[in-house]
């Protein structure tokens, strides 16, 4: 009887761990309702979101710091041409030799990043060494939310089966 109780406790701990203990941190791409599209394991503490401006057709980048509470803080943005949404009153502006503008010191924190994925914009995520084109991960013409999350083994398996 004592042996069965020990086995039961061990199995209960394993099952609890599968559902409750985070095993991997990374970038989780979801739709507006929270349905996962894809999970990218992420080791660094920065996230670069790049795209091509839909009107100016020039490259843009926003670099976010991943905070301890998994929110994102915009640390800098780099662009070549001025357009809607360009920071113009926050931060410090630096004109780079290659014709780009870098704005740093922006005080903007968000719980997650939202976008409407349009193929012409050529969105990508980067961790400093690897770029992940969204065209390979998410469907065209859909709202996307980009979260930094710690997921459990159960969630990792569930998301892996979906994507």
N, C-alpha and C. Protein backbone atom coordinates (compact mmCIF):
# COMPACT_ATOMS: atom_id res chain seq x y z
N UNK A 1 0.82 -1.20 0.00
CA UNK A 1 0.00 0.00 0.00
C UNK A 1 0.87 1.27 0.00
N UNK A 2 1.94 1.25 0.81
CA UNK A 2 2.83 2.39 0.90
C UNK A 2 3.53 2.64 -0.43
N UNK A 3 3.87 1.56 -1.13
CA UNK A 3 4.53 1.66 -2.43
C UNK A 3 3.59 2.30 -3.45
N UNK A 4 2.31 1.95 -3.44
CA UNK A 4 1.34 2.53 -4.36
C UNK A 4 1.17 4.02 -4.11
N UNK A 5 1.18 4.42 -2.84
CA UNK A 5 1.06 5.83 -2.50
C UNK A 5 2.26 6.62 -3.03
N UNK A 6 3.45 6.06 -2.89
CA UNK A 6 4.66 6.72 -3.40
C UNK A 6 4.59 6.86 -4.92
N UNK A 7 4.19 5.81 -5.63
CA UNK A 7 4.03 5.86 -7.09
C UNK A 7 2.99 6.91 -7.49
N UNK A 8 1.89 6.95 -6.76
CA UNK A 8 0.83 7.92 -7.04
C UNK A 8 1.36 9.35 -6.88
N UNK A 9 2.10 9.59 -5.82
CA UNK A 9 2.65 10.93 -5.58
C UNK A 9 3.65 11.30 -6.67
N UNK A 10 4.48 10.36 -7.07
CA UNK A 10 5.46 10.63 -8.13
C UNK A 10 4.75 10.96 -9.45
N UNK A 11 3.74 10.18 -9.79
CA UNK A 11 2.98 10.43 -11.02
C UNK A 11 2.26 11.77 -10.94
N UNK A 12 1.68 12.08 -9.80
CA UNK A 12 1.00 13.36 -9.61
C UNK A 12 1.98 14.53 -9.77
N UNK A 13 3.18 14.40 -9.24
CA UNK A 13 4.19 15.46 -9.38
C UNK A 13 4.61 15.62 -10.84
N UNK A 14 4.78 14.53 -11.55
CA UNK A 14 5.17 14.60 -12.97
C UNK A 14 4.08 15.28 -13.79
N UNK A 15 2.84 14.86 -13.59
CA UNK A 15 1.72 15.46 -14.34
C UNK A 15 1.58 16.94 -14.00
N UNK A 16 1.70 17.28 -12.73
CA UNK A 16 1.64 18.68 -12.32
C UNK A 16 2.75 19.48 -12.98
N UNK A 17 3.94 18.92 -13.02
CA UNK A 17 5.07 19.60 -13.67
C UNK A 17 4.82 19.85 -15.14
N UNK A 18 4.25 18.88 -15.82
CA UNK A 18 3.97 19.01 -17.26
C UNK A 18 3.04 20.18 -17.52
N UNK A 19 2.07 20.40 -16.63
CA UNK A 19 1.07 21.43 -16.85
C UNK A 19 1.41 22.78 -16.21
N UNK A 20 2.31 22.81 -15.24
CA UNK A 20 2.52 24.06 -14.50
C UNK A 20 3.94 24.62 -14.53
N UNK A 21 4.94 23.80 -14.72
CA UNK A 21 6.32 24.28 -14.62
C UNK A 21 6.81 24.76 -15.99
N UNK A 22 7.21 26.04 -16.09
CA UNK A 22 7.74 26.54 -17.36
C UNK A 22 9.06 25.84 -17.71
N UNK A 23 9.18 25.45 -18.99
CA UNK A 23 10.39 24.76 -19.43
C UNK A 23 11.14 25.52 -20.52
N UNK A 24 10.48 26.49 -21.15
CA UNK A 24 11.11 27.20 -22.27
C UNK A 24 10.56 28.62 -22.34
N UNK A 25 11.43 29.58 -22.55
CA UNK A 25 11.02 30.97 -22.78
C UNK A 25 11.25 31.30 -24.24
N UNK A 26 10.38 32.14 -24.78
CA UNK A 26 10.55 32.50 -26.17
C UNK A 26 9.48 33.42 -26.68
N UNK A 27 9.47 33.58 -27.97
CA UNK A 27 8.52 34.46 -28.65
C UNK A 27 7.33 33.61 -29.10
N UNK A 28 6.15 34.00 -28.63
CA UNK A 28 4.91 33.31 -28.99
C UNK A 28 4.11 34.22 -29.90
N UNK A 29 3.80 33.73 -31.09
CA UNK A 29 2.98 34.47 -32.06
C UNK A 29 1.57 33.92 -31.98
N UNK A 30 0.60 34.81 -31.76
CA UNK A 30 -0.80 34.39 -31.64
C UNK A 30 -1.68 35.27 -32.51
N UNK A 31 -2.94 34.84 -32.66
CA UNK A 31 -3.94 35.72 -33.25
C UNK A 31 -4.54 36.57 -32.13
N UNK A 32 -5.55 37.38 -32.43
CA UNK A 32 -6.13 38.28 -31.43
C UNK A 32 -6.81 37.52 -30.28
N UNK A 33 -7.28 36.32 -30.55
CA UNK A 33 -7.96 35.53 -29.53
C UNK A 33 -6.97 34.71 -28.69
N UNK A 34 -5.69 34.78 -29.02
CA UNK A 34 -4.68 34.05 -28.26
C UNK A 34 -4.34 32.68 -28.83
N UNK A 35 -4.94 32.31 -29.97
CA UNK A 35 -4.62 31.03 -30.60
C UNK A 35 -3.19 31.10 -31.16
N UNK A 36 -2.34 30.15 -30.75
CA UNK A 36 -0.94 30.20 -31.19
C UNK A 36 -0.75 29.89 -32.67
N UNK A 37 0.15 30.64 -33.29
CA UNK A 37 0.61 30.33 -34.64
C UNK A 37 1.94 29.60 -34.58
N UNK A 38 2.83 30.10 -33.70
CA UNK A 38 4.19 29.56 -33.68
C UNK A 38 4.89 30.00 -32.40
N UNK A 39 5.85 29.20 -31.97
CA UNK A 39 6.68 29.54 -30.80
C UNK A 39 8.14 29.43 -31.23
N UNK A 40 8.92 30.48 -30.91
CA UNK A 40 10.34 30.50 -31.24
C UNK A 40 11.12 30.57 -29.93
N UNK A 41 11.89 29.53 -29.59
CA UNK A 41 12.73 29.62 -28.39
C UNK A 41 13.66 30.83 -28.50
N UNK A 42 13.83 31.56 -27.41
CA UNK A 42 14.54 32.83 -27.44
C UNK A 42 15.47 32.92 -26.25
N UNK A 43 16.75 33.08 -26.49
CA UNK A 43 17.73 33.14 -25.41
C UNK A 43 18.07 34.57 -25.01
N UNK A 44 18.07 35.49 -25.95
CA UNK A 44 18.50 36.86 -25.68
C UNK A 44 17.46 37.68 -24.95
N UNK A 45 17.84 38.90 -24.62
CA UNK A 45 16.94 39.82 -23.92
C UNK A 45 16.51 40.97 -24.83
N UNK A 46 16.75 40.84 -26.15
CA UNK A 46 16.27 41.85 -27.09
C UNK A 46 15.50 41.17 -28.22
N UNK A 47 14.61 41.93 -28.80
CA UNK A 47 13.79 41.48 -29.93
C UNK A 47 13.79 42.60 -30.96
N UNK A 48 14.25 42.30 -32.16
CA UNK A 48 14.22 43.27 -33.25
C UNK A 48 13.08 42.90 -34.19
N UNK A 49 12.20 43.86 -34.42
CA UNK A 49 11.10 43.66 -35.36
C UNK A 49 11.41 44.53 -36.57
N UNK A 50 11.54 43.90 -37.72
CA UNK A 50 11.88 44.62 -38.93
C UNK A 50 10.78 44.50 -39.97
N UNK A 51 10.66 45.49 -40.82
CA UNK A 51 9.68 45.46 -41.89
C UNK A 51 10.05 46.49 -42.95
N UNK A 52 9.34 46.42 -44.04
CA UNK A 52 9.49 47.41 -45.11
C UNK A 52 8.26 48.30 -45.06
N UNK A 53 8.48 49.59 -44.95
CA UNK A 53 7.37 50.54 -44.86
C UNK A 53 6.50 50.41 -46.10
N UNK A 54 5.19 50.34 -45.91
CA UNK A 54 4.27 50.06 -47.02
C UNK A 54 4.14 51.20 -48.01
N UNK A 55 4.44 52.42 -47.62
CA UNK A 55 4.32 53.56 -48.54
C UNK A 55 5.70 53.95 -49.06
N UNK A 56 6.64 54.15 -48.16
CA UNK A 56 7.98 54.59 -48.54
C UNK A 56 8.83 53.46 -49.13
N UNK A 57 8.45 52.21 -48.82
CA UNK A 57 9.16 51.00 -49.27
C UNK A 57 10.62 50.98 -48.82
N UNK A 58 10.86 51.52 -47.62
CA UNK A 58 12.20 51.51 -47.04
C UNK A 58 12.19 50.65 -45.78
N UNK A 59 13.36 50.09 -45.42
CA UNK A 59 13.40 49.22 -44.24
C UNK A 59 13.30 50.01 -42.93
N UNK A 60 12.63 49.40 -41.95
CA UNK A 60 12.50 49.95 -40.60
C UNK A 60 12.84 48.84 -39.62
N UNK A 61 13.33 49.23 -38.46
CA UNK A 61 13.58 48.29 -37.37
C UNK A 61 13.19 48.94 -36.06
N UNK A 62 12.60 48.15 -35.19
CA UNK A 62 12.38 48.57 -33.82
C UNK A 62 13.05 47.51 -32.94
N UNK A 63 13.86 47.96 -32.01
CA UNK A 63 14.57 47.05 -31.11
C UNK A 63 13.96 47.20 -29.73
N UNK A 64 13.49 46.08 -29.20
CA UNK A 64 12.84 46.05 -27.88
C UNK A 64 13.70 45.29 -26.89
N UNK A 65 13.70 45.77 -25.66
CA UNK A 65 14.30 45.04 -24.56
C UNK A 65 13.19 44.22 -23.92
N UNK A 66 13.48 42.96 -23.61
CA UNK A 66 12.51 42.09 -22.95
C UNK A 66 12.71 42.26 -21.45
N UNK A 67 11.67 42.75 -20.78
CA UNK A 67 11.72 43.01 -19.35
C UNK A 67 11.48 41.74 -18.54
N UNK A 68 11.81 41.78 -17.26
CA UNK A 68 11.63 40.63 -16.38
C UNK A 68 10.18 40.17 -16.30
N UNK A 69 9.23 41.11 -16.43
CA UNK A 69 7.81 40.74 -16.39
C UNK A 69 7.27 40.34 -17.76
N UNK A 70 8.18 40.16 -18.74
CA UNK A 70 7.90 39.74 -20.11
C UNK A 70 7.26 40.83 -20.97
N UNK A 71 7.16 42.05 -20.47
CA UNK A 71 6.72 43.15 -21.31
C UNK A 71 7.90 43.57 -22.20
N UNK A 72 7.63 44.45 -23.16
CA UNK A 72 8.64 44.90 -24.11
C UNK A 72 8.83 46.41 -23.96
N UNK A 73 10.08 46.85 -23.93
CA UNK A 73 10.40 48.28 -23.88
C UNK A 73 11.15 48.66 -25.15
N UNK A 74 10.60 49.63 -25.87
CA UNK A 74 11.25 50.10 -27.10
C UNK A 74 12.54 50.81 -26.72
N UNK A 75 13.66 50.26 -27.17
CA UNK A 75 14.94 50.88 -26.83
C UNK A 75 15.48 51.74 -27.98
N UNK A 76 15.18 51.35 -29.20
CA UNK A 76 15.59 52.19 -30.34
C UNK A 76 14.81 51.81 -31.58
N UNK A 77 14.76 52.75 -32.51
CA UNK A 77 14.16 52.49 -33.81
C UNK A 77 15.10 53.07 -34.87
N UNK A 78 15.18 52.38 -35.98
CA UNK A 78 16.07 52.80 -37.08
C UNK A 78 15.24 52.81 -38.35
N UNK A 79 15.30 53.91 -39.07
CA UNK A 79 14.53 54.03 -40.31
C UNK A 79 15.27 54.94 -41.27
N UNK A 80 14.83 54.90 -42.53
CA UNK A 80 15.48 55.69 -43.57
C UNK A 80 14.63 56.87 -44.00
N UNK A 81 13.32 56.72 -43.90
CA UNK A 81 12.44 57.81 -44.34
C UNK A 81 11.35 58.03 -43.31
N UNK A 82 10.95 59.26 -43.18
CA UNK A 82 9.95 59.65 -42.20
C UNK A 82 8.57 59.23 -42.69
N UNK A 83 7.74 58.71 -41.77
CA UNK A 83 6.39 58.32 -42.13
C UNK A 83 5.51 58.25 -40.90
N UNK A 84 4.28 57.83 -41.08
CA UNK A 84 3.33 57.73 -39.98
C UNK A 84 3.88 56.80 -38.90
N UNK A 85 3.77 57.23 -37.66
CA UNK A 85 4.23 56.42 -36.54
C UNK A 85 5.68 56.63 -36.17
N UNK A 86 6.38 57.46 -36.92
CA UNK A 86 7.79 57.71 -36.64
C UNK A 86 7.91 58.54 -35.37
N UNK A 87 8.74 58.08 -34.42
CA UNK A 87 8.94 58.90 -33.22
C UNK A 87 9.59 60.23 -33.60
N UNK A 88 8.97 61.32 -33.20
CA UNK A 88 9.57 62.61 -33.55
C UNK A 88 9.68 63.54 -32.35
N UNK A 89 9.11 63.15 -31.22
CA UNK A 89 9.22 64.00 -30.03
C UNK A 89 9.87 63.26 -28.87
N UNK A 90 9.96 61.95 -28.94
CA UNK A 90 10.57 61.15 -27.88
C UNK A 90 12.01 60.82 -28.25
N UNK A 91 12.85 60.71 -27.23
CA UNK A 91 14.19 60.19 -27.43
C UNK A 91 15.17 61.15 -28.05
N UNK A 92 16.33 60.57 -28.39
CA UNK A 92 17.43 61.32 -28.99
C UNK A 92 17.61 60.84 -30.42
N UNK A 93 17.66 61.77 -31.34
CA UNK A 93 17.77 61.46 -32.77
C UNK A 93 19.23 61.53 -33.19
N UNK A 94 19.65 60.51 -33.94
CA UNK A 94 21.02 60.45 -34.46
C UNK A 94 20.94 60.16 -35.96
N UNK A 95 21.58 60.99 -36.77
CA UNK A 95 21.62 60.78 -38.21
C UNK A 95 22.86 59.96 -38.54
N UNK A 96 22.68 58.79 -39.10
CA UNK A 96 23.78 57.88 -39.39
C UNK A 96 24.37 58.17 -40.77
N UNK A 97 25.60 57.78 -40.98
CA UNK A 97 26.32 58.08 -42.22
C UNK A 97 25.69 57.40 -43.44
N UNK A 98 25.00 56.28 -43.23
CA UNK A 98 24.42 55.55 -44.37
C UNK A 98 23.03 56.05 -44.76
N UNK A 99 22.61 57.20 -44.21
CA UNK A 99 21.33 57.79 -44.57
C UNK A 99 20.18 57.37 -43.65
N UNK A 100 20.47 56.55 -42.68
CA UNK A 100 19.43 56.12 -41.74
C UNK A 100 19.37 57.06 -40.55
N UNK A 101 18.25 56.99 -39.84
CA UNK A 101 18.05 57.76 -38.63
C UNK A 101 17.84 56.75 -37.50
N UNK A 102 18.53 56.97 -36.38
CA UNK A 102 18.33 56.12 -35.20
C UNK A 102 17.80 56.99 -34.08
N UNK A 103 16.71 56.52 -33.46
CA UNK A 103 16.15 57.22 -32.31
C UNK A 103 16.29 56.30 -31.11
N UNK A 104 16.93 56.81 -30.05
CA UNK A 104 17.12 56.04 -28.82
C UNK A 104 16.52 56.81 -27.65
N UNK A 105 16.45 56.14 -26.50
CA UNK A 105 15.95 56.81 -25.30
C UNK A 105 14.45 57.00 -25.29
N UNK A 106 13.74 56.21 -26.06
CA UNK A 106 12.28 56.31 -26.10
C UNK A 106 11.72 55.58 -24.88
N UNK A 107 10.81 56.20 -24.19
CA UNK A 107 10.20 55.59 -23.01
C UNK A 107 8.83 55.04 -23.39
N UNK A 108 8.82 53.84 -23.96
CA UNK A 108 7.55 53.23 -24.38
C UNK A 108 7.59 51.75 -24.02
N UNK A 109 6.67 51.32 -23.15
CA UNK A 109 6.59 49.92 -22.73
C UNK A 109 5.24 49.35 -23.13
N UNK A 110 5.25 48.13 -23.67
CA UNK A 110 4.03 47.48 -24.11
C UNK A 110 4.01 46.03 -23.60
N UNK A 111 2.82 45.48 -23.34
CA UNK A 111 2.76 44.09 -22.89
C UNK A 111 3.08 43.10 -24.02
N UNK A 112 2.77 43.47 -25.25
CA UNK A 112 3.06 42.66 -26.42
C UNK A 112 3.00 43.58 -27.65
N UNK A 113 3.47 43.08 -28.78
CA UNK A 113 3.51 43.86 -30.02
C UNK A 113 2.39 43.34 -30.93
N UNK A 114 1.63 44.23 -31.51
CA UNK A 114 0.55 43.85 -32.43
C UNK A 114 0.85 44.37 -33.82
N UNK A 115 0.46 43.60 -34.82
CA UNK A 115 0.58 44.05 -36.20
C UNK A 115 -0.46 43.33 -37.06
N UNK A 116 -0.71 43.91 -38.21
CA UNK A 116 -1.55 43.27 -39.21
C UNK A 116 -0.60 42.80 -40.30
N UNK A 117 -0.46 41.48 -40.45
CA UNK A 117 0.56 40.96 -41.36
C UNK A 117 0.09 41.06 -42.81
N UNK A 118 0.84 41.83 -43.58
CA UNK A 118 0.63 42.01 -45.01
C UNK A 118 1.94 41.60 -45.68
N UNK A 119 1.89 40.69 -46.66
CA UNK A 119 3.13 40.17 -47.24
C UNK A 119 4.09 41.23 -47.79
N UNK A 120 3.57 42.31 -48.35
CA UNK A 120 4.44 43.33 -48.95
C UNK A 120 5.35 43.99 -47.90
N UNK A 121 4.94 43.95 -46.64
CA UNK A 121 5.72 44.60 -45.59
C UNK A 121 6.95 43.79 -45.18
N UNK A 122 6.98 42.52 -45.52
CA UNK A 122 8.17 41.69 -45.29
C UNK A 122 8.65 41.73 -43.83
N UNK A 123 7.73 41.50 -42.90
CA UNK A 123 8.05 41.51 -41.46
C UNK A 123 9.01 40.38 -41.10
N UNK A 124 9.86 40.65 -40.12
CA UNK A 124 10.74 39.62 -39.58
C UNK A 124 11.02 39.91 -38.11
N UNK A 125 11.41 38.87 -37.40
CA UNK A 125 11.85 38.98 -36.02
C UNK A 125 13.31 38.55 -36.00
N UNK A 126 14.11 39.20 -35.17
CA UNK A 126 15.52 38.84 -35.09
C UNK A 126 15.99 38.94 -33.65
N UNK A 127 16.96 38.08 -33.32
CA UNK A 127 17.52 38.07 -31.97
C UNK A 127 18.96 38.57 -31.94
N UNK A 128 19.40 39.14 -33.03
CA UNK A 128 20.77 39.62 -33.12
C UNK A 128 21.64 38.74 -34.01
N UNK A 129 21.31 37.45 -34.09
CA UNK A 129 22.09 36.54 -34.93
C UNK A 129 21.22 35.84 -35.97
N UNK A 130 19.95 35.63 -35.66
CA UNK A 130 19.06 34.89 -36.55
C UNK A 130 17.83 35.72 -36.86
N UNK A 131 17.42 35.70 -38.13
CA UNK A 131 16.20 36.40 -38.55
C UNK A 131 15.13 35.36 -38.85
N UNK A 132 13.91 35.65 -38.41
CA UNK A 132 12.78 34.76 -38.62
C UNK A 132 11.73 35.49 -39.44
N UNK A 133 11.67 35.26 -40.76
CA UNK A 133 10.67 35.93 -41.60
C UNK A 133 9.26 35.45 -41.24
N UNK A 134 8.36 36.40 -41.01
CA UNK A 134 7.00 36.02 -40.64
C UNK A 134 6.25 35.33 -41.77
N UNK A 135 6.68 35.54 -43.02
CA UNK A 135 6.00 34.91 -44.14
C UNK A 135 6.06 33.38 -44.06
N UNK A 136 7.02 32.85 -43.32
CA UNK A 136 7.13 31.40 -43.16
C UNK A 136 6.35 30.89 -41.95
N UNK A 137 5.80 31.80 -41.14
CA UNK A 137 5.24 31.42 -39.86
C UNK A 137 3.75 31.72 -39.72
N UNK A 138 3.31 32.86 -40.25
CA UNK A 138 1.92 33.29 -40.03
C UNK A 138 1.19 33.45 -41.36
N UNK A 139 -0.14 33.34 -41.32
CA UNK A 139 -0.91 33.50 -42.56
C UNK A 139 -0.98 34.97 -42.99
N UNK A 140 -1.09 35.18 -44.29
CA UNK A 140 -1.22 36.53 -44.84
C UNK A 140 -2.52 37.18 -44.38
N UNK A 141 -2.46 38.49 -44.23
CA UNK A 141 -3.62 39.33 -43.91
C UNK A 141 -4.33 38.90 -42.63
N UNK A 142 -3.55 38.70 -41.58
CA UNK A 142 -4.08 38.36 -40.27
C UNK A 142 -3.46 39.26 -39.20
N UNK A 143 -4.23 39.52 -38.15
CA UNK A 143 -3.71 40.24 -36.99
C UNK A 143 -2.81 39.29 -36.21
N UNK A 144 -1.67 39.79 -35.81
CA UNK A 144 -0.67 38.99 -35.09
C UNK A 144 -0.31 39.71 -33.80
N UNK A 145 -0.16 38.94 -32.74
CA UNK A 145 0.38 39.48 -31.50
C UNK A 145 1.68 38.74 -31.21
N UNK A 146 2.69 39.50 -30.83
CA UNK A 146 4.02 38.95 -30.54
C UNK A 146 4.26 39.11 -29.04
N UNK A 147 4.34 37.98 -28.35
CA UNK A 147 4.51 37.97 -26.90
C UNK A 147 5.84 37.31 -26.55
N UNK A 148 6.42 37.72 -25.43
CA UNK A 148 7.52 36.96 -24.85
C UNK A 148 6.90 36.17 -23.70
N UNK A 149 7.01 34.84 -23.75
CA UNK A 149 6.35 33.97 -22.77
C UNK A 149 7.28 32.87 -22.29
N UNK A 150 7.01 32.38 -21.11
CA UNK A 150 7.59 31.14 -20.62
C UNK A 150 6.47 30.11 -20.68
N UNK A 151 6.71 29.01 -21.39
CA UNK A 151 5.64 28.03 -21.58
C UNK A 151 6.00 26.71 -20.90
N UNK A 152 4.94 25.96 -20.59
CA UNK A 152 5.10 24.65 -19.95
C UNK A 152 5.36 23.59 -21.02
N UNK A 153 5.74 22.41 -20.59
CA UNK A 153 5.95 21.30 -21.52
C UNK A 153 4.67 20.98 -22.28
N UNK A 154 3.54 21.00 -21.59
CA UNK A 154 2.25 20.74 -22.23
C UNK A 154 1.99 21.76 -23.35
N UNK A 155 2.18 23.07 -23.05
CA UNK A 155 1.97 24.11 -24.06
C UNK A 155 2.94 23.96 -25.22
N UNK A 156 4.20 23.63 -24.92
CA UNK A 156 5.20 23.45 -25.97
C UNK A 156 4.78 22.34 -26.93
N UNK A 157 4.32 21.22 -26.39
CA UNK A 157 3.86 20.10 -27.23
C UNK A 157 2.64 20.52 -28.03
N UNK A 158 1.68 21.19 -27.40
CA UNK A 158 0.45 21.61 -28.06
C UNK A 158 0.76 22.58 -29.22
N UNK A 159 1.63 23.55 -28.97
CA UNK A 159 1.98 24.53 -30.00
C UNK A 159 2.78 23.86 -31.12
N UNK A 160 3.66 22.95 -30.78
CA UNK A 160 4.44 22.24 -31.80
C UNK A 160 3.56 21.43 -32.74
N UNK A 161 2.49 20.88 -32.21
CA UNK A 161 1.57 20.10 -33.04
C UNK A 161 0.74 20.99 -33.96
N UNK A 162 0.46 22.23 -33.52
CA UNK A 162 -0.33 23.17 -34.30
C UNK A 162 0.49 23.77 -35.45
N UNK A 163 1.73 24.17 -35.14
CA UNK A 163 2.51 24.91 -36.15
C UNK A 163 3.33 24.02 -37.03
